[in-house]
Amino acid sequence: MLGAESIYSAMTTWLFMKLIAARMQPGQGWTEFRQDNGDLFEGRPKKS
């Protein structure tokens, strides 16, 4: 995709991975995680 590198940010990706790690509960599946943390999938994450 032409210009895709301009929308990729390693820092943003890293921060989302940290948010996921902080919010994920032991034994929680991806479907349940997504239901509990919809803000990570629909726009800006809510502030903790």
PDB file of N, CA and C in Angstrom:
ATOM      1  N   MET A   1       0.850  -1.176   0.000  1.00  0.00           N
ATOM      2  CA  MET A   1       0.000   0.000   0.000  1.00  0.00           C
ATOM      3  C   MET A   1       0.893   1.236   0.000  1.00  0.00           C
ATOM      4  N   LEU A   2       0.695   2.068  -0.917  1.00  0.00           N
ATOM      5  CA  LEU A   2       1.496   3.266  -1.060  1.00  0.00           C
ATOM      6  C   LEU A   2       1.228   4.220   0.093  1.00  0.00           C
ATOM      7  N   GLY A   3       2.283   4.649   0.756  1.00  0.00           N
ATOM      8  CA  GLY A   3       2.149   5.602   1.845  1.00  0.00           C
ATOM      9  C   GLY A   3       1.847   4.985   3.196  1.00  0.00           C
ATOM     10  N   ALA A   4       1.780   3.656   3.286  1.00  0.00           N
ATOM     11  CA  ALA A   4       1.439   2.994   4.547  1.00  0.00           C
ATOM     12  C   ALA A   4       2.460   3.286   5.635  1.00  0.00           C
ATOM     13  N   GLU A   5       3.719   3.465   5.252  1.00  0.00           N
ATOM     14  CA  GLU A   5       4.737   3.720   6.263  1.00  0.00           C
ATOM     15  C   GLU A   5       4.477   5.021   7.021  1.00  0.00           C
ATOM     16  N   SER A   6       3.743   5.935   6.425  1.00  0.00           N
ATOM     17  CA  SER A   6       3.453   7.198   7.106  1.00  0.00           C
ATOM     18  C   SER A   6       2.379   7.059   8.179  1.00  0.00           C
ATOM     19  N   ILE A   7       1.618   5.966   8.167  1.00  0.00           N
ATOM     20  CA  ILE A   7       0.587   5.774   9.190  1.00  0.00           C
ATOM     21  C   ILE A   7       1.009   4.767  10.261  1.00  0.00           C
ATOM     22  N   TYR A   8       2.163   4.130  10.088  1.00  0.00           N
ATOM     23  CA  TYR A   8       2.658   3.163  11.053  1.00  0.00           C
ATOM     24  C   TYR A   8       3.529   3.870  12.077  1.00  0.00           C
ATOM     25  N   SER A   9       3.313   3.545  13.332  1.00  0.00           N
ATOM     26  CA  SER A   9       4.147   4.098  14.385  1.00  0.00           C
ATOM     27  C   SER A   9       4.541   2.971  15.337  1.00  0.00           C
ATOM     28  N   ALA A  10       5.821   2.701  15.427  1.00  0.00           N
ATOM     29  CA  ALA A  10       6.298   1.657  16.346  1.00  0.00           C
ATOM     30  C   ALA A  10       5.933   2.000  17.783  1.00  0.00           C
ATOM     31  N   MET A  11       5.975   3.264  18.150  1.00  0.00           N
ATOM     32  CA  MET A  11       5.641   3.670  19.520  1.00  0.00           C
ATOM     33  C   MET A  11       4.174   3.387  19.825  1.00  0.00           C
ATOM     34  N   THR A  12       3.281   3.692  18.896  1.00  0.00           N
ATOM     35  CA  THR A  12       1.861   3.423  19.096  1.00  0.00           C
ATOM     36  C   THR A  12       1.615   1.931  19.255  1.00  0.00           C
ATOM     37  N   THR A  13       2.258   1.130  18.420  1.00  0.00           N
ATOM     38  CA  THR A  13       2.116  -0.322  18.510  1.00  0.00           C
ATOM     39  C   THR A  13       2.609  -0.815  19.859  1.00  0.00           C
ATOM     40  N   TRP A  14       3.755  -0.341  20.296  1.00  0.00           N
ATOM     41  CA  TRP A  14       4.330  -0.750  21.573  1.00  0.00           C
ATOM     42  C   TRP A  14       3.410  -0.366  22.730  1.00  0.00           C
ATOM     43  N   LEU A  15       2.854   0.837  22.692  1.00  0.00           N
ATOM     44  CA  LEU A  15       1.955   1.287  23.760  1.00  0.00           C
ATOM     45  C   LEU A  15       0.672   0.451  23.814  1.00  0.00           C
ATOM     46  N   PHE A  16       0.117   0.094  22.664  1.00  0.00           N
ATOM     47  CA  PHE A  16      -1.067  -0.760  22.660  1.00  0.00           C
ATOM     48  C   PHE A  16      -0.750  -2.138  23.230  1.00  0.00           C
ATOM     49  N   MET A  17       0.431  -2.669  22.923  1.00  0.00           N
ATOM     50  CA  MET A  17       0.827  -3.964  23.485  1.00  0.00           C
ATOM     51  C   MET A  17       0.947  -3.880  25.007  1.00  0.00           C
ATOM     52  N   LYS A  18       1.465  -2.764  25.513  1.00  0.00           N
ATOM     53  CA  LYS A  18       1.559  -2.569  26.964  1.00  0.00           C
ATOM     54  C   LYS A  18       0.170  -2.475  27.590  1.00  0.00           C
ATOM     55  N   LEU A  19      -0.764  -1.772  26.936  1.00  0.00           N
ATOM     56  CA  LEU A  19      -2.135  -1.681  27.431  1.00  0.00           C
ATOM     57  C   LEU A  19      -2.804  -3.047  27.474  1.00  0.00           C
ATOM     58  N   ILE A  20      -2.624  -3.823  26.429  1.00  0.00           N
ATOM     59  CA  ILE A  20      -3.200  -5.168  26.380  1.00  0.00           C
ATOM     60  C   ILE A  20      -2.631  -6.014  27.508  1.00  0.00           C
ATOM     61  N   ALA A  21      -1.321  -5.975  27.698  1.00  0.00           N
ATOM     62  CA  ALA A  21      -0.683  -6.757  28.756  1.00  0.00           C
ATOM     63  C   ALA A  21      -1.179  -6.336  30.136  1.00  0.00           C
ATOM     64  N   ALA A  22      -1.388  -5.044  30.339  1.00  0.00           N
ATOM     65  CA  ALA A  22      -1.844  -4.552  31.635  1.00  0.00           C
ATOM     66  C   ALA A  22      -3.296  -4.932  31.926  1.00  0.00           C
ATOM     67  N   ARG A  23      -4.115  -5.006  30.903  1.00  0.00           N
ATOM     68  CA  ARG A  23      -5.545  -5.274  31.092  1.00  0.00           C
ATOM     69  C   ARG A  23      -5.927  -6.749  31.014  1.00  0.00           C
ATOM     70  N   MET A  24      -5.128  -7.554  30.352  1.00  0.00           N
ATOM     71  CA  MET A  24      -5.483  -8.958  30.167  1.00  0.00           C
ATOM     72  C   MET A  24      -5.380  -9.710  31.484  1.00  0.00           C
ATOM     73  N   GLN A  25      -6.399 -10.500  31.772  1.00  0.00           N
ATOM     74  CA  GLN A  25      -6.457 -11.298  32.990  1.00  0.00           C
ATOM     75  C   GLN A  25      -5.944 -12.709  32.706  1.00  0.00           C
ATOM     76  N   PRO A  26      -5.328 -13.370  33.689  1.00  0.00           N
ATOM     77  CA  PRO A  26      -4.867 -14.750  33.481  1.00  0.00           C
ATOM     78  C   PRO A  26      -6.021 -15.649  33.034  1.00  0.00           C
ATOM     79  N   GLY A  27      -5.791 -16.415  32.009  1.00  0.00           N
ATOM     80  CA  GLY A  27      -6.793 -17.342  31.501  1.00  0.00           C
ATOM     81  C   GLY A  27      -7.875 -16.716  30.640  1.00  0.00           C
ATOM     82  N   GLN A  28      -7.815 -15.411  30.442  1.00  0.00           N
ATOM     83  CA  GLN A  28      -8.820 -14.712  29.644  1.00  0.00           C
ATOM     84  C   GLN A  28      -8.551 -14.933  28.163  1.00  0.00           C
ATOM     85  N   GLY A  29      -9.573 -15.301  27.424  1.00  0.00           N
ATOM     86  CA  GLY A  29      -9.450 -15.468  25.982  1.00  0.00           C
ATOM     87  C   GLY A  29      -9.571 -14.147  25.261  1.00  0.00           C
ATOM     88  N   TRP A  30      -9.199 -14.171  23.984  1.00  0.00           N
ATOM     89  CA  TRP A  30      -9.213 -12.944  23.192  1.00  0.00           C
ATOM     90  C   TRP A  30     -10.628 -12.384  23.052  1.00  0.00           C
ATOM     91  N   THR A  31     -11.635 -13.237  22.859  1.00  0.00           N
ATOM     92  CA  THR A  31     -13.015 -12.772  22.699  1.00  0.00           C
ATOM     93  C   THR A  31     -13.489 -12.045  23.952  1.00  0.00           C
ATOM     94  N   GLU A  32     -13.244 -12.625  25.112  1.00  0.00           N
ATOM     95  CA  GLU A  32     -13.636 -11.988  26.373  1.00  0.00           C
ATOM     96  C   GLU A  32     -12.862 -10.689  26.587  1.00  0.00           C
ATOM     97  N   PHE A  33     -11.577 -10.703  26.267  1.00  0.00           N
ATOM     98  CA  PHE A  33     -10.778  -9.486  26.399  1.00  0.00           C
ATOM     99  C   PHE A  33     -11.359  -8.370  25.540  1.00  0.00           C
ATOM    100  N   ARG A  34     -11.713  -8.707  24.323  1.00  0.00           N
ATOM    101  CA  ARG A  34     -12.267  -7.688  23.416  1.00  0.00           C
ATOM    102  C   ARG A  34     -13.590  -7.133  23.948  1.00  0.00           C
ATOM    103  N   GLN A  35     -14.436  -7.979  24.514  1.00  0.00           N
ATOM    104  CA  GLN A  35     -15.707  -7.522  25.075  1.00  0.00           C
ATOM    105  C   GLN A  35     -15.472  -6.582  26.255  1.00  0.00           C
ATOM    106  N   ASP A  36     -14.486  -6.892  27.077  1.00  0.00           N
ATOM    107  CA  ASP A  36     -14.205  -6.098  28.275  1.00  0.00           C
ATOM    108  C   ASP A  36     -13.446  -4.812  27.984  1.00  0.00           C
ATOM    109  N   ASN A  37     -12.805  -4.721  26.830  1.00  0.00           N
ATOM    110  CA  ASN A  37     -11.934  -3.589  26.520  1.00  0.00           C
ATOM    111  C   ASN A  37     -12.228  -3.014  25.146  1.00  0.00           C
ATOM    112  N   GLY A  38     -13.487  -2.792  24.878  1.00  0.00           N
ATOM    113  CA  GLY A  38     -13.904  -2.288  23.574  1.00  0.00           C
ATOM    114  C   GLY A  38     -13.259  -0.973  23.184  1.00  0.00           C
ATOM    115  N   ASP A  39     -12.868  -0.177  24.170  1.00  0.00           N
ATOM    116  CA  ASP A  39     -12.243   1.111  23.856  1.00  0.00           C
ATOM    117  C   ASP A  39     -10.930   0.950  23.098  1.00  0.00           C
ATOM    118  N   LEU A  40     -10.257  -0.178  23.256  1.00  0.00           N
ATOM    119  CA  LEU A  40      -9.015  -0.408  22.524  1.00  0.00           C
ATOM    120  C   LEU A  40      -9.262  -0.706  21.050  1.00  0.00           C
ATOM    121  N   PHE A  41     -10.490  -1.066  20.708  1.00  0.00           N
ATOM    122  CA  PHE A  41     -10.813  -1.466  19.343  1.00  0.00           C
ATOM    123  C   PHE A  41     -11.649  -0.427  18.610  1.00  0.00           C
ATOM    124  N   GLU A  42     -12.231   0.524  19.325  1.00  0.00           N
ATOM    125  CA  GLU A  42     -13.175   1.468  18.722  1.00  0.00           C
ATOM    126  C   GLU A  42     -12.675   2.889  18.655  1.00  0.00           C
ATOM    127  N   GLY A  43     -11.492   3.169  19.091  1.00  0.00           N
ATOM    128  CA  GLY A  43     -11.002   4.534  19.076  1.00  0.00           C
ATOM    129  C   GLY A  43      -9.929   4.704  20.134  1.00  0.00           C
ATOM    130  N   ARG A  44      -9.938   5.823  20.758  1.00  0.00           N
ATOM    131  CA  ARG A  44      -8.925   6.105  21.773  1.00  0.00           C
ATOM    132  C   ARG A  44      -9.208   5.320  23.042  1.00  0.00           C
ATOM    133  N   PRO A  45      -8.171   4.727  23.644  1.00  0.00           N
ATOM    134  CA  PRO A  45      -8.351   4.022  24.909  1.00  0.00           C
ATOM    135  C   PRO A  45      -8.738   4.987  26.015  1.00  0.00           C
ATOM    136  N   LYS A  46      -9.545   4.491  26.960  1.00  0.00           N
ATOM    137  CA  LYS A  46      -9.880   5.324  28.105  1.00  0.00           C
ATOM    138  C   LYS A  46      -8.679   5.438  29.014  1.00  0.00           C
ATOM    139  N   LYS A  47      -8.544   6.563  29.683  1.00  0.00           N
ATOM    140  CA  LYS A  47      -7.408   6.777  30.571  1.00  0.00           C
ATOM    141  C   LYS A  47      -7.604   5.998  31.846  1.00  0.00           C
ATOM    142  N   SER A  48      -6.523   5.401  32.324  1.00  0.00           N
ATOM    143  CA  SER A  48      -6.584   4.616  33.568  1.00  0.00           C
ATOM    144  C   SER A  48      -6.395   5.511  34.762  1.00  0.00           C
TER     145      SER A  48
END
